[in-house]
Amino acid sequence: MLHMIFFEPRIPGNTGAAIRLSANTGAALHLVDPLFSMDEPRLRRAGLDYHDLARTRVYQTLEECLEQVPGRVLALTAHCDRLYTQVDWRDDDALLLGPEPTGLPEEVMSHPRVTDRIRIPMVAGSRSLNLANSAAVVVYEAWRCLGFPGGHASEGAQPQAIQELMRP
């Protein structure tokens, strides 16, 4: 199972969106204090009814959190050269993301458990994506690289059926 670690998240709506991401991908969401109340209305609204479907846990410290994460820890930052698409993803990898607007502090990125730093490419002059969007981009890429374990195929229209609908 993939893991997302939100270090000291500050925006409830983004954490709520990450709860939905957890429920939809099976990735565990680890939240490191300090943070807002888990009963915060914006958190509940963004997470909709996915709270019971997500694997979410709150920790008092980063050390406590990292004791529960078995695999590599990859820090997402704008301050490195390696792209998230260049990672050979493993099933127990953890993506470590920092608070908005500051990102991860250097002492966290230098933690002995952090095995790599990765980034999402952006156009020049852009600072960052929001926390939930960043997590979604990278988690879905990692899950895709692993073959979407636990996922199911879409039951949508097949290409031939779509072509038939488009005929005059």
N, C-alpha and C. Protein backbone atom coordinates (compact mmCIF):
# COMPACT_ATOMS: atom_id res chain seq x y z
N MET A 1 0.83 -1.17 0.00
CA MET A 1 0.00 0.00 0.00
C MET A 1 0.88 1.24 0.00
N LEU A 2 0.51 2.21 -0.80
CA LEU A 2 1.21 3.50 -0.82
C LEU A 2 0.81 4.31 0.41
N HIS A 3 1.65 5.26 0.76
CA HIS A 3 1.40 6.11 1.92
C HIS A 3 1.59 7.58 1.54
N MET A 4 0.75 8.45 2.09
CA MET A 4 0.91 9.89 2.00
C MET A 4 1.11 10.40 3.42
N ILE A 5 2.14 11.21 3.61
CA ILE A 5 2.37 11.83 4.91
C ILE A 5 2.22 13.34 4.73
N PHE A 6 1.24 13.92 5.41
CA PHE A 6 1.07 15.37 5.41
C PHE A 6 1.68 15.90 6.70
N PHE A 7 2.81 16.58 6.57
CA PHE A 7 3.51 17.13 7.73
C PHE A 7 2.92 18.50 8.07
N GLU A 8 2.28 18.58 9.23
CA GLU A 8 1.69 19.82 9.74
C GLU A 8 0.79 20.53 8.72
N PRO A 9 -0.21 19.85 8.18
CA PRO A 9 -1.10 20.49 7.20
C PRO A 9 -1.88 21.64 7.84
N ARG A 10 -2.16 22.66 7.05
CA ARG A 10 -2.80 23.86 7.60
C ARG A 10 -4.15 24.17 6.96
N ILE A 11 -4.46 23.58 5.83
CA ILE A 11 -5.70 23.92 5.12
C ILE A 11 -6.63 22.72 5.15
N PRO A 12 -7.71 22.81 5.94
CA PRO A 12 -8.62 21.67 6.11
C PRO A 12 -9.19 21.12 4.80
N GLY A 13 -9.53 22.00 3.87
CA GLY A 13 -10.11 21.54 2.60
C GLY A 13 -9.16 20.66 1.81
N ASN A 14 -7.88 20.98 1.83
CA ASN A 14 -6.90 20.16 1.12
C ASN A 14 -6.74 18.79 1.78
N THR A 15 -6.79 18.76 3.10
CA THR A 15 -6.71 17.48 3.79
C THR A 15 -7.97 16.67 3.54
N GLY A 16 -9.12 17.33 3.47
CA GLY A 16 -10.36 16.63 3.11
C GLY A 16 -10.27 16.01 1.73
N ALA A 17 -9.70 16.74 0.78
CA ALA A 17 -9.52 16.20 -0.57
C ALA A 17 -8.56 15.01 -0.54
N ALA A 18 -7.55 15.06 0.32
CA ALA A 18 -6.61 13.94 0.44
C ALA A 18 -7.29 12.72 1.06
N ILE A 19 -8.27 12.94 1.93
CA ILE A 19 -9.05 11.83 2.47
C ILE A 19 -9.80 11.13 1.34
N ARG A 20 -10.38 11.90 0.44
CA ARG A 20 -11.04 11.31 -0.74
C ARG A 20 -10.03 10.57 -1.60
N LEU A 21 -8.84 11.15 -1.78
CA LEU A 21 -7.78 10.49 -2.54
C LEU A 21 -7.41 9.16 -1.90
N SER A 22 -7.29 9.13 -0.60
CA SER A 22 -6.99 7.90 0.13
C SER A 22 -8.07 6.85 -0.11
N ALA A 23 -9.32 7.26 0.00
CA ALA A 23 -10.44 6.33 -0.19
C ALA A 23 -10.48 5.78 -1.61
N ASN A 24 -10.12 6.60 -2.58
CA ASN A 24 -10.21 6.18 -3.98
C ASN A 24 -9.01 5.43 -4.51
N THR A 25 -7.87 5.52 -3.83
CA THR A 25 -6.66 4.83 -4.30
C THR A 25 -6.19 3.74 -3.35
N GLY A 26 -6.69 3.74 -2.13
CA GLY A 26 -6.22 2.79 -1.13
C GLY A 26 -4.95 3.22 -0.43
N ALA A 27 -4.42 4.39 -0.79
CA ALA A 27 -3.21 4.90 -0.13
C ALA A 27 -3.56 5.36 1.28
N ALA A 28 -2.70 5.04 2.22
CA ALA A 28 -2.91 5.48 3.61
C ALA A 28 -2.52 6.95 3.73
N LEU A 29 -3.28 7.69 4.54
CA LEU A 29 -2.99 9.10 4.79
C LEU A 29 -2.57 9.26 6.25
N HIS A 30 -1.34 9.73 6.44
CA HIS A 30 -0.78 9.96 7.77
C HIS A 30 -0.68 11.47 7.98
N LEU A 31 -1.27 11.97 9.06
CA LEU A 31 -1.27 13.40 9.36
C LEU A 31 -0.43 13.65 10.61
N VAL A 32 0.53 14.57 10.50
CA VAL A 32 1.43 14.87 11.61
C VAL A 32 1.04 16.21 12.22
N ASP A 33 0.80 16.21 13.54
CA ASP A 33 0.47 17.43 14.29
C ASP A 33 1.61 18.43 14.21
N PRO A 34 1.30 19.73 14.44
CA PRO A 34 -0.01 20.27 14.75
C PRO A 34 -0.87 20.41 13.50
N LEU A 35 -2.16 20.22 13.70
CA LEU A 35 -3.12 20.46 12.64
C LEU A 35 -4.43 20.90 13.25
N PHE A 36 -5.39 21.16 12.44
CA PHE A 36 -6.72 21.63 12.81
C PHE A 36 -7.54 20.47 13.38
N SER A 37 -8.72 20.77 13.84
CA SER A 37 -9.62 19.74 14.35
C SER A 37 -10.11 18.85 13.20
N MET A 38 -10.16 17.56 13.44
CA MET A 38 -10.67 16.64 12.42
C MET A 38 -12.18 16.80 12.24
N ASP A 39 -12.82 17.60 13.08
CA ASP A 39 -14.25 17.90 12.93
C ASP A 39 -14.47 19.22 12.21
N GLU A 40 -13.41 19.84 11.75
CA GLU A 40 -13.48 21.10 11.02
C GLU A 40 -14.45 20.95 9.84
N PRO A 41 -15.45 21.86 9.71
CA PRO A 41 -16.45 21.74 8.64
C PRO A 41 -15.86 21.70 7.23
N ARG A 42 -14.81 22.48 6.96
CA ARG A 42 -14.22 22.47 5.61
C ARG A 42 -13.56 21.13 5.30
N LEU A 43 -13.01 20.49 6.32
CA LEU A 43 -12.43 19.15 6.15
C LEU A 43 -13.54 18.16 5.82
N ARG A 44 -14.63 18.21 6.57
CA ARG A 44 -15.75 17.30 6.35
C ARG A 44 -16.36 17.51 4.96
N ARG A 45 -16.53 18.77 4.58
CA ARG A 45 -17.16 19.07 3.29
C ARG A 45 -16.30 18.56 2.13
N ALA A 46 -15.00 18.81 2.17
CA ALA A 46 -14.11 18.38 1.09
C ALA A 46 -13.98 16.87 1.04
N GLY A 47 -14.06 16.22 2.20
CA GLY A 47 -13.93 14.76 2.24
C GLY A 47 -15.23 14.04 1.97
N LEU A 48 -16.34 14.79 1.89
CA LEU A 48 -17.68 14.24 1.67
C LEU A 48 -17.92 13.05 2.59
N ASP A 49 -18.39 11.96 2.03
CA ASP A 49 -18.69 10.78 2.85
C ASP A 49 -17.58 9.72 2.75
N TYR A 50 -16.37 10.15 2.43
CA TYR A 50 -15.26 9.23 2.24
C TYR A 50 -14.46 8.96 3.52
N HIS A 51 -14.75 9.67 4.59
CA HIS A 51 -13.94 9.55 5.81
C HIS A 51 -13.87 8.12 6.32
N ASP A 52 -14.97 7.40 6.26
CA ASP A 52 -14.99 6.02 6.76
C ASP A 52 -14.31 5.04 5.80
N LEU A 53 -14.09 5.46 4.55
CA LEU A 53 -13.47 4.59 3.55
C LEU A 53 -11.96 4.79 3.46
N ALA A 54 -11.47 5.87 4.04
CA ALA A 54 -10.05 6.20 3.95
C ALA A 54 -9.28 5.62 5.12
N ARG A 55 -8.01 5.38 4.87
CA ARG A 55 -7.08 4.94 5.92
C ARG A 55 -6.34 6.18 6.41
N THR A 56 -6.85 6.78 7.47
CA THR A 56 -6.29 8.03 7.97
C THR A 56 -5.91 7.89 9.44
N ARG A 57 -4.74 8.41 9.78
CA ARG A 57 -4.30 8.38 11.18
C ARG A 57 -3.53 9.66 11.49
N VAL A 58 -3.70 10.15 12.72
CA VAL A 58 -3.02 11.36 13.18
C VAL A 58 -1.92 10.97 14.16
N TYR A 59 -0.77 11.63 14.03
CA TYR A 59 0.39 11.37 14.89
C TYR A 59 0.81 12.66 15.58
N GLN A 60 1.34 12.53 16.78
CA GLN A 60 1.84 13.68 17.53
C GLN A 60 3.16 14.19 16.95
N THR A 61 3.99 13.29 16.43
CA THR A 61 5.31 13.68 15.92
C THR A 61 5.62 12.96 14.61
N LEU A 62 6.55 13.52 13.87
CA LEU A 62 7.00 12.87 12.64
C LEU A 62 7.65 11.53 12.96
N GLU A 63 8.42 11.46 14.03
CA GLU A 63 9.08 10.20 14.42
C GLU A 63 8.05 9.10 14.64
N GLU A 64 6.99 9.42 15.36
CA GLU A 64 5.92 8.45 15.61
C GLU A 64 5.31 7.97 14.30
N CYS A 65 5.10 8.89 13.38
CA CYS A 65 4.54 8.55 12.07
C CYS A 65 5.48 7.63 11.30
N LEU A 66 6.74 8.00 11.23
CA LEU A 66 7.70 7.23 10.42
C LEU A 66 7.92 5.82 10.95
N GLU A 67 7.67 5.61 12.24
CA GLU A 67 7.75 4.25 12.79
C GLU A 67 6.69 3.33 12.18
N GLN A 68 5.61 3.91 11.67
CA GLN A 68 4.51 3.13 11.11
C GLN A 68 4.60 2.97 9.60
N VAL A 69 5.56 3.61 8.98
CA VAL A 69 5.71 3.57 7.52
C VAL A 69 6.88 2.64 7.20
N PRO A 70 6.61 1.50 6.56
CA PRO A 70 7.65 0.49 6.37
C PRO A 70 8.66 0.78 5.26
N GLY A 71 8.25 1.50 4.24
CA GLY A 71 9.10 1.63 3.05
C GLY A 71 9.88 2.92 2.98
N ARG A 72 10.29 3.23 1.76
CA ARG A 72 11.05 4.46 1.51
C ARG A 72 10.15 5.67 1.75
N VAL A 73 10.78 6.79 2.08
CA VAL A 73 10.07 8.05 2.26
C VAL A 73 10.65 9.03 1.25
N LEU A 74 9.79 9.52 0.35
CA LEU A 74 10.21 10.45 -0.69
C LEU A 74 9.58 11.81 -0.42
N ALA A 75 10.41 12.83 -0.26
CA ALA A 75 9.93 14.18 0.03
C ALA A 75 9.61 14.91 -1.26
N LEU A 76 8.41 15.49 -1.33
CA LEU A 76 8.01 16.27 -2.49
C LEU A 76 8.38 17.74 -2.23
N THR A 77 9.18 18.30 -3.12
CA THR A 77 9.66 19.67 -2.96
C THR A 77 9.88 20.28 -4.34
N ALA A 78 9.80 21.60 -4.40
CA ALA A 78 10.11 22.29 -5.65
C ALA A 78 11.61 22.50 -5.80
N HIS A 79 12.38 22.15 -4.77
CA HIS A 79 13.81 22.47 -4.72
C HIS A 79 14.69 21.25 -4.95
N CYS A 80 14.51 20.61 -6.09
CA CYS A 80 15.38 19.50 -6.48
C CYS A 80 15.22 19.29 -7.99
N ASP A 81 16.02 18.40 -8.54
CA ASP A 81 15.99 18.17 -9.98
C ASP A 81 15.21 16.92 -10.38
N ARG A 82 15.08 15.95 -9.50
CA ARG A 82 14.48 14.67 -9.86
C ARG A 82 12.95 14.77 -9.95
N LEU A 83 12.40 14.30 -11.07
CA LEU A 83 10.95 14.32 -11.27
C LEU A 83 10.31 13.08 -10.65
N TYR A 84 9.07 13.22 -10.25
CA TYR A 84 8.33 12.09 -9.67
C TYR A 84 8.15 10.96 -10.69
N THR A 85 8.24 11.27 -11.96
CA THR A 85 8.11 10.25 -13.01
C THR A 85 9.38 9.44 -13.19
N GLN A 86 10.46 9.83 -12.53
CA GLN A 86 11.73 9.12 -12.62
C GLN A 86 11.94 8.14 -11.48
N VAL A 87 10.93 7.95 -10.66
CA VAL A 87 11.02 7.05 -9.51
C VAL A 87 10.58 5.65 -9.91
N ASP A 88 11.30 4.65 -9.45
CA ASP A 88 10.89 3.25 -9.59
C ASP A 88 10.04 2.94 -8.35
N TRP A 89 8.74 3.19 -8.47
CA TRP A 89 7.84 3.13 -7.32
C TRP A 89 7.71 1.71 -6.78
N ARG A 90 7.62 1.63 -5.45
CA ARG A 90 7.41 0.37 -4.74
C ARG A 90 6.11 0.46 -3.96
N ASP A 91 5.53 -0.69 -3.68
CA ASP A 91 4.21 -0.75 -3.05
C ASP A 91 4.14 -0.08 -1.69
N ASP A 92 5.22 -0.05 -0.94
CA ASP A 92 5.15 0.51 0.41
C ASP A 92 5.81 1.89 0.51
N ASP A 93 6.01 2.56 -0.63
CA ASP A 93 6.61 3.89 -0.62
C ASP A 93 5.68 4.91 0.05
N ALA A 94 6.31 5.92 0.64
CA ALA A 94 5.57 7.01 1.28
C ALA A 94 5.98 8.34 0.65
N LEU A 95 4.99 9.15 0.35
CA LEU A 95 5.20 10.49 -0.19
C LEU A 95 5.03 11.48 0.96
N LEU A 96 6.05 12.26 1.24
CA LEU A 96 6.05 13.22 2.33
C LEU A 96 5.83 14.62 1.77
N LEU A 97 4.77 15.29 2.23
CA LEU A 97 4.43 16.62 1.75
C LEU A 97 4.36 17.59 2.93
N GLY A 98 4.80 18.83 2.68
CA GLY A 98 4.84 19.83 3.74
C GLY A 98 3.65 20.77 3.70
N PRO A 99 3.57 21.64 4.70
CA PRO A 99 2.44 22.55 4.82
C PRO A 99 2.48 23.65 3.77
N GLU A 100 1.29 24.14 3.44
CA GLU A 100 1.21 25.33 2.61
C GLU A 100 1.29 26.54 3.55
N PRO A 101 1.93 27.57 3.20
CA PRO A 101 2.60 27.84 1.93
C PRO A 101 4.10 27.57 1.97
N THR A 102 4.63 27.07 3.08
CA THR A 102 6.09 27.00 3.23
C THR A 102 6.74 25.74 2.68
N GLY A 103 6.00 24.64 2.59
CA GLY A 103 6.61 23.38 2.19
C GLY A 103 7.38 22.76 3.34
N LEU A 104 8.09 21.70 3.04
CA LEU A 104 8.84 20.98 4.07
C LEU A 104 10.07 21.76 4.51
N PRO A 105 10.28 21.86 5.82
CA PRO A 105 11.52 22.48 6.28
C PRO A 105 12.72 21.58 5.99
N GLU A 106 13.88 22.18 5.85
CA GLU A 106 15.10 21.43 5.52
C GLU A 106 15.38 20.32 6.52
N GLU A 107 15.13 20.57 7.81
CA GLU A 107 15.42 19.53 8.81
C GLU A 107 14.54 18.30 8.62
N VAL A 108 13.35 18.47 8.07
CA VAL A 108 12.49 17.31 7.78
C VAL A 108 13.00 16.60 6.53
N MET A 109 13.34 17.36 5.49
CA MET A 109 13.85 16.73 4.26
C MET A 109 15.19 16.04 4.49
N SER A 110 15.93 16.45 5.51
CA SER A 110 17.22 15.84 5.82
C SER A 110 17.11 14.68 6.79
N HIS A 111 15.91 14.33 7.18
CA HIS A 111 15.70 13.22 8.11
C HIS A 111 16.31 11.94 7.52
N PRO A 112 16.94 11.10 8.32
CA PRO A 112 17.56 9.87 7.80
C PRO A 112 16.61 8.93 7.07
N ARG A 113 15.31 8.97 7.38
CA ARG A 113 14.35 8.11 6.69
C ARG A 113 13.98 8.62 5.30
N VAL A 114 14.23 9.90 5.03
CA VAL A 114 13.92 10.46 3.71
C VAL A 114 14.99 9.98 2.74
N THR A 115 14.58 9.13 1.80
CA THR A 115 15.53 8.51 0.88
C THR A 115 15.75 9.30 -0.40
N ASP A 116 14.81 10.19 -0.73
CA ASP A 116 14.93 10.94 -1.97
C ASP A 116 14.05 12.18 -1.91
N ARG A 117 14.37 13.12 -2.78
CA ARG A 117 13.55 14.32 -2.98
C ARG A 117 13.09 14.31 -4.42
N ILE A 118 11.81 14.60 -4.62
CA ILE A 118 11.24 14.60 -5.97
C ILE A 118 10.39 15.85 -6.15
N ARG A 119 10.12 16.17 -7.42
CA ARG A 119 9.32 17.35 -7.71
C ARG A 119 8.35 17.09 -8.86
N ILE A 120 7.37 17.96 -8.96
CA ILE A 120 6.42 17.99 -10.07
C ILE A 120 6.85 19.14 -10.97
N PRO A 121 7.02 18.91 -12.28
CA PRO A 121 7.43 20.02 -13.15
C PRO A 121 6.31 21.05 -13.29
N MET A 122 6.70 22.30 -13.41
CA MET A 122 5.75 23.40 -13.60
C MET A 122 6.38 24.42 -14.53
N VAL A 123 5.56 25.28 -15.08
CA VAL A 123 6.08 26.34 -15.94
C VAL A 123 6.85 27.35 -15.10
N ALA A 124 7.76 28.06 -15.74
CA ALA A 124 8.56 29.07 -15.04
C ALA A 124 7.66 30.11 -14.39
N GLY A 125 8.02 30.52 -13.20
CA GLY A 125 7.27 31.54 -12.49
C GLY A 125 6.18 30.99 -11.58
N SER A 126 5.88 29.70 -11.68
CA SER A 126 4.88 29.09 -10.79
C SER A 126 5.55 28.67 -9.50
N ARG A 127 4.85 28.85 -8.37
CA ARG A 127 5.41 28.46 -7.07
C ARG A 127 5.12 27.01 -6.76
N SER A 128 3.82 26.65 -6.80
CA SER A 128 3.46 25.29 -6.42
C SER A 128 2.00 25.02 -6.72
N LEU A 129 1.66 23.73 -6.73
CA LEU A 129 0.26 23.30 -6.74
C LEU A 129 -0.21 23.26 -5.30
N ASN A 130 -1.52 23.13 -5.08
CA ASN A 130 -1.93 22.98 -3.68
C ASN A 130 -1.60 21.57 -3.22
N LEU A 131 -1.65 21.38 -1.92
CA LEU A 131 -1.22 20.13 -1.30
C LEU A 131 -1.96 18.91 -1.84
N ALA A 132 -3.28 18.99 -1.90
CA ALA A 132 -4.07 17.85 -2.36
C ALA A 132 -3.82 17.55 -3.83
N ASN A 133 -3.69 18.59 -4.66
CA ASN A 133 -3.41 18.36 -6.08
C ASN A 133 -2.05 17.71 -6.26
N SER A 134 -1.06 18.18 -5.53
CA SER A 134 0.28 17.59 -5.61
C SER A 134 0.25 16.12 -5.22
N ALA A 135 -0.42 15.83 -4.12
CA ALA A 135 -0.53 14.43 -3.67
C ALA A 135 -1.22 13.58 -4.73
N ALA A 136 -2.29 14.10 -5.32
CA ALA A 136 -3.04 13.33 -6.32
C ALA A 136 -2.19 13.03 -7.55
N VAL A 137 -1.46 14.02 -8.04
CA VAL A 137 -0.62 13.82 -9.22
C VAL A 137 0.37 12.67 -8.97
N VAL A 138 1.06 12.72 -7.85
CA VAL A 138 2.12 11.75 -7.58
C VAL A 138 1.56 10.39 -7.17
N VAL A 139 0.53 10.37 -6.34
CA VAL A 139 -0.04 9.09 -5.91
C VAL A 139 -0.62 8.33 -7.09
N TYR A 140 -1.34 9.02 -7.98
CA TYR A 140 -1.88 8.31 -9.14
C TYR A 140 -0.78 7.81 -10.07
N GLU A 141 0.31 8.54 -10.21
CA GLU A 141 1.42 8.05 -11.03
C GLU A 141 2.06 6.83 -10.38
N ALA A 142 2.28 6.88 -9.08
CA ALA A 142 2.86 5.72 -8.39
C ALA A 142 1.94 4.52 -8.50
N TRP A 143 0.65 4.73 -8.29
CA TRP A 143 -0.33 3.64 -8.37
C TRP A 143 -0.36 3.06 -9.78
N ARG A 144 -0.30 3.93 -10.80
CA ARG A 144 -0.27 3.47 -12.19
C ARG A 144 0.96 2.61 -12.44
N CYS A 145 2.12 3.07 -11.98
CA CYS A 145 3.36 2.32 -12.17
C CYS A 145 3.31 0.95 -11.50
N LEU A 146 2.55 0.84 -10.43
CA LEU A 146 2.40 -0.43 -9.72
C LEU A 146 1.32 -1.31 -10.32
N GLY A 147 0.62 -0.82 -11.35
CA GLY A 147 -0.42 -1.61 -12.01
C GLY A 147 -1.79 -1.46 -11.39
N PHE A 148 -2.02 -0.38 -10.66
CA PHE A 148 -3.30 -0.12 -9.99
C PHE A 148 -3.77 -1.28 -9.12
N PRO A 149 -2.94 -1.80 -8.22
CA PRO A 149 -3.39 -2.91 -7.37
C PRO A 149 -4.61 -2.50 -6.54
N GLY A 150 -5.60 -3.38 -6.53
CA GLY A 150 -6.83 -3.11 -5.79
C GLY A 150 -7.82 -2.25 -6.55
N GLY A 151 -7.42 -1.71 -7.69
CA GLY A 151 -8.31 -0.88 -8.49
C GLY A 151 -9.18 -1.73 -9.39
N HIS A 152 -10.15 -1.11 -10.01
CA HIS A 152 -11.01 -1.84 -10.94
C HIS A 152 -11.11 -1.06 -12.24
N ALA A 153 -11.33 -1.79 -13.32
CA ALA A 153 -11.43 -1.18 -14.65
C ALA A 153 -12.75 -0.44 -14.80
N SER A 154 -12.72 0.60 -15.61
CA SER A 154 -13.95 1.35 -15.89
C SER A 154 -14.90 0.49 -16.70
N GLU A 155 -16.17 0.64 -16.44
CA GLU A 155 -17.19 -0.10 -17.18
C GLU A 155 -17.86 0.83 -18.18
N GLY A 156 -17.16 1.88 -18.58
CA GLY A 156 -17.73 2.87 -19.48
C GLY A 156 -17.85 2.36 -20.90
N ALA A 157 -18.27 3.26 -21.79
CA ALA A 157 -18.49 2.90 -23.19
C ALA A 157 -17.19 2.49 -23.85
N GLN A 158 -17.26 1.49 -24.71
CA GLN A 158 -16.11 1.02 -25.46
C GLN A 158 -15.92 1.88 -26.71
N PRO A 159 -14.69 1.95 -27.26
CA PRO A 159 -14.44 2.80 -28.42
C PRO A 159 -15.39 2.55 -29.59
N GLN A 160 -15.73 1.30 -29.86
CA GLN A 160 -16.63 1.01 -30.98
C GLN A 160 -18.01 1.60 -30.73
N ALA A 161 -18.50 1.50 -29.52
CA ALA A 161 -19.80 2.06 -29.17
C ALA A 161 -19.79 3.58 -29.32
N ILE A 162 -18.69 4.21 -28.97
CA ILE A 162 -18.58 5.66 -29.10
C ILE A 162 -18.61 6.05 -30.58
N GLN A 163 -17.90 5.29 -31.43
CA GLN A 163 -17.89 5.57 -32.86
C GLN A 163 -19.29 5.45 -33.45
N GLU A 164 -20.05 4.45 -33.01
CA GLU A 164 -21.41 4.28 -33.50
C GLU A 164 -22.30 5.46 -33.11
N LEU A 165 -22.09 6.00 -31.94
CA LEU A 165 -22.87 7.15 -31.50
C LEU A 165 -22.56 8.39 -32.33
N MET A 166 -21.35 8.48 -32.87
CA MET A 166 -20.91 9.65 -33.61
C MET A 166 -21.31 9.62 -35.08
N ARG A 167 -21.85 8.50 -35.56
CA ARG A 167 -22.24 8.42 -36.97
C ARG A 167 -23.44 9.32 -37.25
N PRO A 168 -23.46 9.93 -38.46
CA PRO A 168 -24.60 10.79 -38.82
C PRO A 168 -25.87 9.99 -39.04
